[in-house]
Amino acid sequence: MKSVMIVDDETAMREILKIMLKDYRVIEASNGREAVELYKKERPEIVLMDIMMPVMSGIDAVKEIKKINPNVKIVAITAYASSKGEKALEAGVDLILKKPFTRKEVVRVIEESLKEG
């Protein structure tokens, strides 16, 4: 079973994504720092990264995770795609998923990302 790491400071968003991604092994992190530490241990195939978080931003976490594995697929999930999208892409994000999104969109983005890898 493929593993997906969900990184979001909002518990409700992580819960929703967990339900949407019931066909995957889900790893959760509530901030960027936690995501980097968990990534080192778990090595999921794909990371869904919120951009705006306390402790360590999604942008900084993406940079750190890409140092560990430059080939990992990272999808930014954000309500601020227009203002934060460019920074996320510069940091190494592969795709941007704009909030709000549907289960169908999330699964499609994950499947596309995993095919490319």
PDB file of N, CA and C in Angstrom:
ATOM      1  N   MET A   1       0.853  -1.189   0.000  1.00  0.00           N
ATOM      2  CA  MET A   1       0.000   0.000   0.000  1.00  0.00           C
ATOM      3  C   MET A   1       0.894   1.246   0.000  1.00  0.00           C
ATOM      4  N   LYS A   2       0.591   2.161  -0.885  1.00  0.00           N
ATOM      5  CA  LYS A   2       1.353   3.410  -0.968  1.00  0.00           C
ATOM      6  C   LYS A   2       1.079   4.258   0.267  1.00  0.00           C
ATOM      7  N   SER A   3       2.086   5.015   0.686  1.00  0.00           N
ATOM      8  CA  SER A   3       1.883   5.862   1.857  1.00  0.00           C
ATOM      9  C   SER A   3       1.893   7.339   1.478  1.00  0.00           C
ATOM     10  N   VAL A   4       1.035   8.068   2.161  1.00  0.00           N
ATOM     11  CA  VAL A   4       0.871   9.503   1.946  1.00  0.00           C
ATOM     12  C   VAL A   4       1.023  10.197   3.294  1.00  0.00           C
ATOM     13  N   MET A   5       1.829  11.263   3.328  1.00  0.00           N
ATOM     14  CA  MET A   5       1.920  12.049   4.549  1.00  0.00           C
ATOM     15  C   MET A   5       1.080  13.309   4.371  1.00  0.00           C
ATOM     16  N   ILE A   6       0.189  13.534   5.322  1.00  0.00           N
ATOM     17  CA  ILE A   6      -0.655  14.726   5.340  1.00  0.00           C
ATOM     18  C   ILE A   6      -0.060  15.679   6.375  1.00  0.00           C
ATOM     19  N   VAL A   7       0.261  16.890   5.937  1.00  0.00           N
ATOM     20  CA  VAL A   7       0.833  17.878   6.852  1.00  0.00           C
ATOM     21  C   VAL A   7      -0.083  19.097   6.865  1.00  0.00           C
ATOM     22  N   ASP A   8      -0.764  19.303   7.985  1.00  0.00           N
ATOM     23  CA  ASP A   8      -1.671  20.443   8.119  1.00  0.00           C
ATOM     24  C   ASP A   8      -1.848  20.729   9.602  1.00  0.00           C
ATOM     25  N   ASP A   9      -1.841  22.003   9.976  1.00  0.00           N
ATOM     26  CA  ASP A   9      -2.001  22.350  11.386  1.00  0.00           C
ATOM     27  C   ASP A   9      -3.449  22.234  11.842  1.00  0.00           C
ATOM     28  N   GLU A  10      -4.381  22.095  10.917  1.00  0.00           N
ATOM     29  CA  GLU A  10      -5.793  21.961  11.279  1.00  0.00           C
ATOM     30  C   GLU A  10      -6.166  20.480  11.363  1.00  0.00           C
ATOM     31  N   THR A  11      -6.542  20.058  12.556  1.00  0.00           N
ATOM     32  CA  THR A  11      -6.925  18.665  12.781  1.00  0.00           C
ATOM     33  C   THR A  11      -8.060  18.259  11.850  1.00  0.00           C
ATOM     34  N   ALA A  12      -9.051  19.119  11.678  1.00  0.00           N
ATOM     35  CA  ALA A  12     -10.208  18.800  10.830  1.00  0.00           C
ATOM     36  C   ALA A  12      -9.774  18.517   9.395  1.00  0.00           C
ATOM     37  N   MET A  13      -8.832  19.291   8.871  1.00  0.00           N
ATOM     38  CA  MET A  13      -8.359  19.085   7.505  1.00  0.00           C
ATOM     39  C   MET A  13      -7.637  17.739   7.393  1.00  0.00           C
ATOM     40  N   ARG A  14      -6.828  17.396   8.400  1.00  0.00           N
ATOM     41  CA  ARG A  14      -6.149  16.093   8.378  1.00  0.00           C
ATOM     42  C   ARG A  14      -7.162  14.956   8.418  1.00  0.00           C
ATOM     43  N   GLU A  15      -8.206  15.114   9.234  1.00  0.00           N
ATOM     44  CA  GLU A  15      -9.242  14.082   9.337  1.00  0.00           C
ATOM     45  C   GLU A  15      -9.985  13.905   8.014  1.00  0.00           C
ATOM     46  N   ILE A  16     -10.333  15.012   7.379  1.00  0.00           N
ATOM     47  CA  ILE A  16     -11.030  14.958   6.086  1.00  0.00           C
ATOM     48  C   ILE A  16     -10.156  14.251   5.054  1.00  0.00           C
ATOM     49  N   LEU A  17      -8.878  14.645   4.999  1.00  0.00           N
ATOM     50  CA  LEU A  17      -7.968  14.022   4.030  1.00  0.00           C
ATOM     51  C   LEU A  17      -7.776  12.532   4.320  1.00  0.00           C
ATOM     52  N   LYS A  18      -7.728  12.173   5.597  1.00  0.00           N
ATOM     53  CA  LYS A  18      -7.584  10.756   5.968  1.00  0.00           C
ATOM     54  C   LYS A  18      -8.759   9.939   5.427  1.00  0.00           C
ATOM     55  N   ILE A  19      -9.957  10.496   5.547  1.00  0.00           N
ATOM     56  CA  ILE A  19     -11.150   9.817   5.034  1.00  0.00           C
ATOM     57  C   ILE A  19     -11.074   9.718   3.512  1.00  0.00           C
ATOM     58  N   MET A  20     -10.666  10.811   2.865  1.00  0.00           N
ATOM     59  CA  MET A  20     -10.553  10.834   1.402  1.00  0.00           C
ATOM     60  C   MET A  20      -9.511   9.823   0.903  1.00  0.00           C
ATOM     61  N   LEU A  21      -8.490   9.594   1.704  1.00  0.00           N
ATOM     62  CA  LEU A  21      -7.364   8.752   1.288  1.00  0.00           C
ATOM     63  C   LEU A  21      -7.369   7.390   1.977  1.00  0.00           C
ATOM     64  N   LYS A  22      -8.559   6.842   2.138  1.00  0.00           N
ATOM     65  CA  LYS A  22      -8.692   5.573   2.852  1.00  0.00           C
ATOM     66  C   LYS A  22      -7.969   4.411   2.161  1.00  0.00           C
ATOM     67  N   ASP A  23      -7.653   4.557   0.878  1.00  0.00           N
ATOM     68  CA  ASP A  23      -6.965   3.492   0.143  1.00  0.00           C
ATOM     69  C   ASP A  23      -5.441   3.569   0.270  1.00  0.00           C
ATOM     70  N   TYR A  24      -4.959   4.507   1.067  1.00  0.00           N
ATOM     71  CA  TYR A  24      -3.515   4.692   1.259  1.00  0.00           C
ATOM     72  C   TYR A  24      -3.173   4.554   2.741  1.00  0.00           C
ATOM     73  N   ARG A  25      -1.899   4.269   3.010  1.00  0.00           N
ATOM     74  CA  ARG A  25      -1.419   4.319   4.392  1.00  0.00           C
ATOM     75  C   ARG A  25      -1.129   5.789   4.671  1.00  0.00           C
ATOM     76  N   VAL A  26      -1.796   6.351   5.667  1.00  0.00           N
ATOM     77  CA  VAL A  26      -1.688   7.786   5.936  1.00  0.00           C
ATOM     78  C   VAL A  26      -0.831   8.048   7.172  1.00  0.00           C
ATOM     79  N   ILE A  27       0.102   8.984   7.015  1.00  0.00           N
ATOM     80  CA  ILE A  27       0.953   9.458   8.099  1.00  0.00           C
ATOM     81  C   ILE A  27       0.570  10.918   8.303  1.00  0.00           C
ATOM     82  N   GLU A  28       0.445  11.352   9.551  1.00  0.00           N
ATOM     83  CA  GLU A  28       0.020  12.733   9.810  1.00  0.00           C
ATOM     84  C   GLU A  28       1.078  13.540  10.540  1.00  0.00           C
ATOM     85  N   ALA A  29       1.185  14.807  10.157  1.00  0.00           N
ATOM     86  CA  ALA A  29       2.031  15.754  10.880  1.00  0.00           C
ATOM     87  C   ALA A  29       1.255  17.062  11.008  1.00  0.00           C
ATOM     88  N   SER A  30       1.447  17.747  12.145  1.00  0.00           N
ATOM     89  CA  SER A  30       0.668  18.969  12.391  1.00  0.00           C
ATOM     90  C   SER A  30       1.447  20.254  12.115  1.00  0.00           C
ATOM     91  N   ASN A  31       2.745  20.124  11.759  1.00  0.00           N
ATOM     92  CA  ASN A  31       3.515  21.314  11.368  1.00  0.00           C
ATOM     93  C   ASN A  31       4.726  20.878  10.550  1.00  0.00           C
ATOM     94  N   GLY A  32       5.420  21.828   9.989  1.00  0.00           N
ATOM     95  CA  GLY A  32       6.544  21.523   9.117  1.00  0.00           C
ATOM     96  C   GLY A  32       7.677  20.781   9.798  1.00  0.00           C
ATOM     97  N   ARG A  33       8.009  21.168  11.015  1.00  0.00           N
ATOM     98  CA  ARG A  33       9.102  20.506  11.751  1.00  0.00           C
ATOM     99  C   ARG A  33       8.782  19.026  11.957  1.00  0.00           C
ATOM    100  N   GLU A  34       7.556  18.758  12.410  1.00  0.00           N
ATOM    101  CA  GLU A  34       7.115  17.379  12.619  1.00  0.00           C
ATOM    102  C   GLU A  34       7.160  16.603  11.295  1.00  0.00           C
ATOM    103  N   ALA A  35       6.780  17.257  10.214  1.00  0.00           N
ATOM    104  CA  ALA A  35       6.779  16.623   8.891  1.00  0.00           C
ATOM    105  C   ALA A  35       8.179  16.183   8.486  1.00  0.00           C
ATOM    106  N   VAL A  36       9.161  17.035   8.704  1.00  0.00           N
ATOM    107  CA  VAL A  36      10.545  16.707   8.338  1.00  0.00           C
ATOM    108  C   VAL A  36      11.023  15.503   9.149  1.00  0.00           C
ATOM    109  N   GLU A  37      10.754  15.502  10.451  1.00  0.00           N
ATOM    110  CA  GLU A  37      11.176  14.393  11.310  1.00  0.00           C
ATOM    111  C   GLU A  37      10.479  13.084  10.909  1.00  0.00           C
ATOM    112  N   LEU A  38       9.173  13.175  10.655  1.00  0.00           N
ATOM    113  CA  LEU A  38       8.427  11.975  10.253  1.00  0.00           C
ATOM    114  C   LEU A  38       8.868  11.488   8.880  1.00  0.00           C
ATOM    115  N   TYR A  39       9.169  12.412   7.982  1.00  0.00           N
ATOM    116  CA  TYR A  39       9.608  12.017   6.643  1.00  0.00           C
ATOM    117  C   TYR A  39      10.885  11.175   6.732  1.00  0.00           C
ATOM    118  N   LYS A  40      11.810  11.586   7.589  1.00  0.00           N
ATOM    119  CA  LYS A  40      13.074  10.852   7.753  1.00  0.00           C
ATOM    120  C   LYS A  40      12.818   9.399   8.159  1.00  0.00           C
ATOM    121  N   LYS A  41      11.814   9.190   9.022  1.00  0.00           N
ATOM    122  CA  LYS A  41      11.510   7.849   9.530  1.00  0.00           C
ATOM    123  C   LYS A  41      10.657   7.032   8.564  1.00  0.00           C
ATOM    124  N   GLU A  42       9.627   7.664   8.022  1.00  0.00           N
ATOM    125  CA  GLU A  42       8.593   6.927   7.286  1.00  0.00           C
ATOM    126  C   GLU A  42       8.816   6.837   5.769  1.00  0.00           C
ATOM    127  N   ARG A  43       9.450   7.843   5.189  1.00  0.00           N
ATOM    128  CA  ARG A  43       9.699   7.903   3.732  1.00  0.00           C
ATOM    129  C   ARG A  43       8.442   7.629   2.881  1.00  0.00           C
ATOM    130  N   PRO A  44       7.376   8.395   3.075  1.00  0.00           N
ATOM    131  CA  PRO A  44       6.176   8.185   2.252  1.00  0.00           C
ATOM    132  C   PRO A  44       6.455   8.526   0.786  1.00  0.00           C
ATOM    133  N   GLU A  45       5.663   7.953  -0.101  1.00  0.00           N
ATOM    134  CA  GLU A  45       5.832   8.203  -1.541  1.00  0.00           C
ATOM    135  C   GLU A  45       5.421   9.622  -1.927  1.00  0.00           C
ATOM    136  N   ILE A  46       4.453  10.158  -1.189  1.00  0.00           N
ATOM    137  CA  ILE A  46       3.946  11.492  -1.529  1.00  0.00           C
ATOM    138  C   ILE A  46       3.620  12.260  -0.250  1.00  0.00           C
ATOM    139  N   VAL A  47       3.773  13.577  -0.314  1.00  0.00           N
ATOM    140  CA  VAL A  47       3.496  14.442   0.832  1.00  0.00           C
ATOM    141  C   VAL A  47       2.485  15.500   0.401  1.00  0.00           C
ATOM    142  N   LEU A  48       1.404  15.633   1.164  1.00  0.00           N
ATOM    143  CA  LEU A  48       0.439  16.717   0.965  1.00  0.00           C
ATOM    144  C   LEU A  48       0.754  17.752   2.030  1.00  0.00           C
ATOM    145  N   MET A  49       1.246  18.905   1.614  1.00  0.00           N
ATOM    146  CA  MET A  49       1.805  19.898   2.537  1.00  0.00           C
ATOM    147  C   MET A  49       0.997  21.192   2.537  1.00  0.00           C
ATOM    148  N   ASP A  50       0.440  21.520   3.697  1.00  0.00           N
ATOM    149  CA  ASP A  50      -0.168  22.837   3.865  1.00  0.00           C
ATOM    150  C   ASP A  50       0.983  23.843   3.854  1.00  0.00           C
ATOM    151  N   ILE A  51       0.737  25.039   3.372  1.00  0.00           N
ATOM    152  CA  ILE A  51       1.805  26.036   3.261  1.00  0.00           C
ATOM    153  C   ILE A  51       1.882  26.913   4.518  1.00  0.00           C
ATOM    154  N   MET A  52       0.737  27.349   5.011  1.00  0.00           N
ATOM    155  CA  MET A  52       0.696  28.258   6.163  1.00  0.00           C
ATOM    156  C   MET A  52       0.516  27.465   7.450  1.00  0.00           C
ATOM    157  N   MET A  53       1.619  27.311   8.214  1.00  0.00           N
ATOM    158  CA  MET A  53       1.558  26.579   9.480  1.00  0.00           C
ATOM    159  C   MET A  53       2.496  27.208  10.504  1.00  0.00           C
ATOM    160  N   PRO A  54       2.185  27.001  11.781  1.00  0.00           N
ATOM    161  CA  PRO A  54       3.096  27.475  12.831  1.00  0.00           C
ATOM    162  C   PRO A  54       4.308  26.545  12.958  1.00  0.00           C
ATOM    163  N   VAL A  55       5.274  26.915  13.759  1.00  0.00           N
ATOM    164  CA  VAL A  55       6.506  26.177  14.061  1.00  0.00           C
ATOM    165  C   VAL A  55       7.459  26.191  12.873  1.00  0.00           C
ATOM    166  N   MET A  56       7.070  25.587  11.744  1.00  0.00           N
ATOM    167  CA  MET A  56       7.846  25.651  10.512  1.00  0.00           C
ATOM    168  C   MET A  56       6.854  25.679   9.360  1.00  0.00           C
ATOM    169  N   SER A  57       7.010  26.639   8.466  1.00  0.00           N
ATOM    170  CA  SER A  57       6.065  26.766   7.347  1.00  0.00           C
ATOM    171  C   SER A  57       6.204  25.584   6.393  1.00  0.00           C
ATOM    172  N   GLY A  58       5.185  25.400   5.582  1.00  0.00           N
ATOM    173  CA  GLY A  58       5.224  24.354   4.566  1.00  0.00           C
ATOM    174  C   GLY A  58       6.355  24.583   3.577  1.00  0.00           C
ATOM    175  N   ILE A  59       6.621  25.834   3.239  1.00  0.00           N
ATOM    176  CA  ILE A  59       7.703  26.166   2.297  1.00  0.00           C
ATOM    177  C   ILE A  59       9.040  25.670   2.850  1.00  0.00           C
ATOM    178  N   ASP A  60       9.328  25.988   4.115  1.00  0.00           N
ATOM    179  CA  ASP A  60      10.589  25.558   4.726  1.00  0.00           C
ATOM    180  C   ASP A  60      10.659  24.039   4.842  1.00  0.00           C
ATOM    181  N   ALA A  61       9.540  23.424   5.176  1.00  0.00           N
ATOM    182  CA  ALA A  61       9.502  21.964   5.300  1.00  0.00           C
ATOM    183  C   ALA A  61       9.755  21.299   3.948  1.00  0.00           C
ATOM    184  N   VAL A  62       9.185  21.857   2.884  1.00  0.00           N
ATOM    185  CA  VAL A  62       9.411  21.315   1.535  1.00  0.00           C
ATOM    186  C   VAL A  62      10.906  21.346   1.211  1.00  0.00           C
ATOM    187  N   LYS A  63      11.545  22.475   1.486  1.00  0.00           N
ATOM    188  CA  LYS A  63      12.989  22.599   1.217  1.00  0.00           C
ATOM    189  C   LYS A  63      13.784  21.534   1.976  1.00  0.00           C
ATOM    190  N   GLU A  64      13.441  21.329   3.252  1.00  0.00           N
ATOM    191  CA  GLU A  64      14.156  20.344   4.079  1.00  0.00           C
ATOM    192  C   GLU A  64      13.923  18.914   3.581  1.00  0.00           C
ATOM    193  N   ILE A  65      12.678  18.597   3.253  1.00  0.00           N
ATOM    194  CA  ILE A  65      12.354  17.244   2.781  1.00  0.00           C
ATOM    195  C   ILE A  65      13.029  16.979   1.435  1.00  0.00           C
ATOM    196  N   LYS A  66      13.060  17.971   0.566  1.00  0.00           N
ATOM    197  CA  LYS A  66      13.711  17.809  -0.747  1.00  0.00           C
ATOM    198  C   LYS A  66      15.223  17.598  -0.599  1.00  0.00           C
ATOM    199  N   LYS A  67      15.821  18.128   0.483  1.00  0.00           N
ATOM    200  CA  LYS A  67      17.243  17.868   0.746  1.00  0.00           C
ATOM    201  C   LYS A  67      17.453  16.387   1.084  1.00  0.00           C
ATOM    202  N   ILE A  68      16.498  15.810   1.794  1.00  0.00           N
ATOM    203  CA  ILE A  68      16.570  14.399   2.183  1.00  0.00           C
ATOM    204  C   ILE A  68      16.354  13.511   0.959  1.00  0.00           C
ATOM    205  N   ASN A  69      15.336  13.839   0.165  1.00  0.00           N
ATOM    206  CA  ASN A  69      15.016  13.065  -1.042  1.00  0.00           C
ATOM    207  C   ASN A  69      14.523  14.014  -2.132  1.00  0.00           C
ATOM    208  N   PRO A  70      15.398  14.390  -3.062  1.00  0.00           N
ATOM    209  CA  PRO A  70      15.016  15.326  -4.125  1.00  0.00           C
ATOM    210  C   PRO A  70      13.906  14.797  -5.034  1.00  0.00           C
ATOM    211  N   ASN A  71      13.673  13.482  -5.027  1.00  0.00           N
ATOM    212  CA  ASN A  71      12.687  12.890  -5.931  1.00  0.00           C
ATOM    213  C   ASN A  71      11.302  12.692  -5.332  1.00  0.00           C
ATOM    214  N   VAL A  72      11.144  12.990  -4.040  1.00  0.00           N
ATOM    215  CA  VAL A  72       9.834  12.795  -3.420  1.00  0.00           C
ATOM    216  C   VAL A  72       8.826  13.753  -4.057  1.00  0.00           C
ATOM    217  N   LYS A  73       7.604  13.256  -4.205  1.00  0.00           N
ATOM    218  CA  LYS A  73       6.527  14.082  -4.766  1.00  0.00           C
ATOM    219  C   LYS A  73       5.859  14.846  -3.624  1.00  0.00           C
ATOM    220  N   ILE A  74       5.790  16.161  -3.773  1.00  0.00           N
ATOM    221  CA  ILE A  74       5.146  16.994  -2.755  1.00  0.00           C
ATOM    222  C   ILE A  74       4.075  17.846  -3.416  1.00  0.00           C
ATOM    223  N   VAL A  75       2.873  17.771  -2.857  1.00  0.00           N
ATOM    224  CA  VAL A  75       1.744  18.565  -3.342  1.00  0.00           C
ATOM    225  C   VAL A  75       1.419  19.593  -2.265  1.00  0.00           C
ATOM    226  N   ALA A  76       1.432  20.868  -2.645  1.00  0.00           N
ATOM    227  CA  ALA A  76       1.057  21.924  -1.710  1.00  0.00           C
ATOM    228  C   ALA A  76      -0.457  22.011  -1.670  1.00  0.00           C
ATOM    229  N   ILE A  77      -1.009  22.075  -0.457  1.00  0.00           N
ATOM    230  CA  ILE A  77      -2.447  22.298  -0.315  1.00  0.00           C
ATOM    231  C   ILE A  77      -2.610  23.653   0.362  1.00  0.00           C
ATOM    232  N   THR A  78      -3.271  24.546  -0.337  1.00  0.00           N
ATOM    233  CA  THR A  78      -3.372  25.903   0.189  1.00  0.00           C
ATOM    234  C   THR A  78      -4.603  26.636  -0.323  1.00  0.00           C
ATOM    235  N   ALA A  79      -5.103  27.526   0.497  1.00  0.00           N
ATOM    236  CA  ALA A  79      -6.187  28.413   0.080  1.00  0.00           C
ATOM    237  C   ALA A  79      -5.593  29.669  -0.560  1.00  0.00           C
ATOM    238  N   TYR A  80      -4.265  29.783  -0.483  1.00  0.00           N
ATOM    239  CA  TYR A  80      -3.584  30.991  -0.954  1.00  0.00           C
ATOM    240  C   TYR A  80      -2.740  30.706  -2.191  1.00  0.00           C
ATOM    241  N   ALA A  81      -3.300  29.935  -3.130  1.00  0.00           N
ATOM    242  CA  ALA A  81      -2.534  29.520  -4.312  1.00  0.00           C
ATOM    243  C   ALA A  81      -2.004  30.710  -5.102  1.00  0.00           C
ATOM    244  N   SER A  82      -2.781  31.772  -5.201  1.00  0.00           N
ATOM    245  CA  SER A  82      -2.321  32.899  -6.011  1.00  0.00           C
ATOM    246  C   SER A  82      -1.145  33.624  -5.380  1.00  0.00           C
ATOM    247  N   SER A  83      -1.169  33.806  -4.059  1.00  0.00           N
ATOM    248  CA  SER A  83      -0.079  34.547  -3.421  1.00  0.00           C
ATOM    249  C   SER A  83       1.088  33.664  -2.985  1.00  0.00           C
ATOM    250  N   LYS A  84       0.832  32.412  -2.634  1.00  0.00           N
ATOM    251  CA  LYS A  84       1.886  31.538  -2.114  1.00  0.00           C
ATOM    252  C   LYS A  84       2.358  30.494  -3.126  1.00  0.00           C
ATOM    253  N   GLY A  85       1.623  30.344  -4.209  1.00  0.00           N
ATOM    254  CA  GLY A  85       1.931  29.309  -5.189  1.00  0.00           C
ATOM    255  C   GLY A  85       3.332  29.382  -5.764  1.00  0.00           C
ATOM    256  N   GLU A  86       3.758  30.563  -6.143  1.00  0.00           N
ATOM    257  CA  GLU A  86       5.075  30.715  -6.749  1.00  0.00           C
ATOM    258  C   GLU A  86       6.188  30.324  -5.774  1.00  0.00           C
ATOM    259  N   LYS A  87       6.069  30.777  -4.534  1.00  0.00           N
ATOM    260  CA  LYS A  87       7.068  30.418  -3.509  1.00  0.00           C
ATOM    261  C   LYS A  87       7.110  28.911  -3.279  1.00  0.00           C
ATOM    262  N   ALA A  88       5.943  28.289  -3.291  1.00  0.00           N
ATOM    263  CA  ALA A  88       5.866  26.837  -3.094  1.00  0.00           C
ATOM    264  C   ALA A  88       6.571  26.107  -4.234  1.00  0.00           C
ATOM    265  N   LEU A  89       6.332  26.551  -5.456  1.00  0.00           N
ATOM    266  CA  LEU A  89       6.964  25.917  -6.615  1.00  0.00           C
ATOM    267  C   LEU A  89       8.478  26.122  -6.582  1.00  0.00           C
ATOM    268  N   GLU A  90       8.909  27.304  -6.196  1.00  0.00           N
ATOM    269  CA  GLU A  90      10.345  27.583  -6.082  1.00  0.00           C
ATOM    270  C   GLU A  90      10.992  26.679  -5.028  1.00  0.00           C
ATOM    271  N   ALA A  91      10.256  26.369  -3.973  1.00  0.00           N
ATOM    272  CA  ALA A  91      10.771  25.532  -2.887  1.00  0.00           C
ATOM    273  C   ALA A  91      10.906  24.069  -3.310  1.00  0.00           C
ATOM    274  N   GLY A  92      10.186  23.686  -4.361  1.00  0.00           N
ATOM    275  CA  GLY A  92      10.297  22.311  -4.846  1.00  0.00           C
ATOM    276  C   GLY A  92       9.006  21.521  -4.893  1.00  0.00           C
ATOM    277  N   VAL A  93       7.875  22.200  -4.690  1.00  0.00           N
ATOM    278  CA  VAL A  93       6.581  21.534  -4.761  1.00  0.00           C
ATOM    279  C   VAL A  93       6.326  21.101  -6.209  1.00  0.00           C
ATOM    280  N   ASP A  94       5.746  19.910  -6.365  1.00  0.00           N
ATOM    281  CA  ASP A  94       5.465  19.391  -7.703  1.00  0.00           C
ATOM    282  C   ASP A  94       4.138  19.893  -8.247  1.00  0.00           C
ATOM    283  N   LEU A  95       3.148  20.000  -7.378  1.00  0.00           N
ATOM    284  CA  LEU A  95       1.815  20.453  -7.780  1.00  0.00           C
ATOM    285  C   LEU A  95       1.196  21.274  -6.663  1.00  0.00           C
ATOM    286  N   ILE A  96       0.218  22.094  -7.032  1.00  0.00           N
ATOM    287  CA  ILE A  96      -0.515  22.871  -6.026  1.00  0.00           C
ATOM    288  C   ILE A  96      -1.983  22.481  -6.110  1.00  0.00           C
ATOM    289  N   LEU A  97      -2.540  22.121  -4.963  1.00  0.00           N
ATOM    290  CA  LEU A  97      -3.954  21.780  -4.864  1.00  0.00           C
ATOM    291  C   LEU A  97      -4.618  22.885  -4.060  1.00  0.00           C
ATOM    292  N   LYS A  98      -5.549  23.565  -4.703  1.00  0.00           N
ATOM    293  CA  LYS A  98      -6.177  24.722  -4.074  1.00  0.00           C
ATOM    294  C   LYS A  98      -7.355  24.288  -3.207  1.00  0.00           C
ATOM    295  N   LYS A  99      -7.380  24.783  -1.965  1.00  0.00           N
ATOM    296  CA  LYS A  99      -8.527  24.550  -1.070  1.00  0.00           C
ATOM    297  C   LYS A  99      -9.658  25.465  -1.507  1.00  0.00           C
ATOM    298  N   PRO A 100     -10.896  25.074  -1.434  1.00  0.00           N
ATOM    299  CA  PRO A 100     -11.369  23.733  -1.091  1.00  0.00           C
ATOM    300  C   PRO A 100     -11.224  22.792  -2.293  1.00  0.00           C
ATOM    301  N   PHE A 101     -11.148  21.491  -2.021  1.00  0.00           N
ATOM    302  CA  PHE A 101     -11.004  20.498  -3.083  1.00  0.00           C
ATOM    303  C   PHE A 101     -11.905  19.311  -2.789  1.00  0.00           C
ATOM    304  N   THR A 102     -12.112  18.471  -3.809  1.00  0.00           N
ATOM    305  CA  THR A 102     -12.954  17.280  -3.649  1.00  0.00           C
ATOM    306  C   THR A 102     -12.069  16.050  -3.487  1.00  0.00           C
ATOM    307  N   ARG A 103     -12.672  14.964  -3.044  1.00  0.00           N
ATOM    308  CA  ARG A 103     -11.932  13.701  -2.915  1.00  0.00           C
ATOM    309  C   ARG A 103     -11.373  13.302  -4.276  1.00  0.00           C
ATOM    310  N   LYS A 104     -12.189  13.473  -5.298  1.00  0.00           N
ATOM    311  CA  LYS A 104     -11.789  13.104  -6.656  1.00  0.00           C
ATOM    312  C   LYS A 104     -10.518  13.861  -7.067  1.00  0.00           C
ATOM    313  N   GLU A 105     -10.473  15.167  -6.757  1.00  0.00           N
ATOM    314  CA  GLU A 105      -9.294  15.977  -7.099  1.00  0.00           C
ATOM    315  C   GLU A 105      -8.050  15.493  -6.354  1.00  0.00           C
ATOM    316  N   VAL A 106      -8.199  15.209  -5.066  1.00  0.00           N
ATOM    317  CA  VAL A 106      -7.063  14.763  -4.243  1.00  0.00           C
ATOM    318  C   VAL A 106      -6.519  13.442  -4.779  1.00  0.00           C
ATOM    319  N   VAL A 107      -7.402  12.483  -5.014  1.00  0.00           N
ATOM    320  CA  VAL A 107      -6.975  11.175  -5.492  1.00  0.00           C
ATOM    321  C   VAL A 107      -6.322  11.294  -6.870  1.00  0.00           C
ATOM    322  N   ARG A 108      -6.893  12.123  -7.750  1.00  0.00           N
ATOM    323  CA  ARG A 108      -6.321  12.310  -9.089  1.00  0.00           C
ATOM    324  C   ARG A 108      -4.905  12.874  -8.992  1.00  0.00           C
ATOM    325  N   VAL A 109      -4.720  13.881  -8.166  1.00  0.00           N
ATOM    326  CA  VAL A 109      -3.407  14.515  -8.003  1.00  0.00           C
ATOM    327  C   VAL A 109      -2.386  13.501  -7.464  1.00  0.00           C
ATOM    328  N   ILE A 110      -2.791  12.698  -6.509  1.00  0.00           N
ATOM    329  CA  ILE A 110      -1.885  11.700  -5.941  1.00  0.00           C
ATOM    330  C   ILE A 110      -1.533  10.649  -6.985  1.00  0.00           C
ATOM    331  N   GLU A 111      -2.543  10.149  -7.697  1.00  0.00           N
ATOM    332  CA  GLU A 111      -2.276   9.120  -8.703  1.00  0.00           C
ATOM    333  C   GLU A 111      -1.375   9.645  -9.823  1.00  0.00           C
ATOM    334  N   GLU A 112      -1.625  10.876 -10.266  1.00  0.00           N
ATOM    335  CA  GLU A 112      -0.773  11.482 -11.301  1.00  0.00           C
ATOM    336  C   GLU A 112       0.661  11.629 -10.803  1.00  0.00           C
ATOM    337  N   SER A 113       0.822  12.102  -9.586  1.00  0.00           N
ATOM    338  CA  SER A 113       2.150  12.298  -9.025  1.00  0.00           C
ATOM    339  C   SER A 113       2.904  10.977  -8.893  1.00  0.00           C
ATOM    340  N   LEU A 114       2.218   9.944  -8.474  1.00  0.00           N
ATOM    341  CA  LEU A 114       2.874   8.650  -8.294  1.00  0.00           C
ATOM    342  C   LEU A 114       3.246   8.014  -9.635  1.00  0.00           C
ATOM    343  N   LYS A 115       2.464   8.269 -10.673  1.00  0.00           N
ATOM    344  CA  LYS A 115       2.782   7.755 -12.007  1.00  0.00           C
ATOM    345  C   LYS A 115       4.067   8.369 -12.535  1.00  0.00           C
ATOM    346  N   GLU A 116       4.232   9.679 -12.290  1.00  0.00           N
ATOM    347  CA  GLU A 116       5.403  10.399 -12.784  1.00  0.00           C
ATOM    348  C   GLU A 116       6.674   9.901 -12.127  1.00  0.00           C
ATOM    349  N   GLY A 117       6.575   9.423 -10.874  1.00  0.00           N
ATOM    350  CA  GLY A 117       7.734   9.011 -10.109  1.00  0.00           C
ATOM    351  C   GLY A 117       8.222   7.707 -10.498  1.00  0.00           C
TER     352      GLY A 117
END
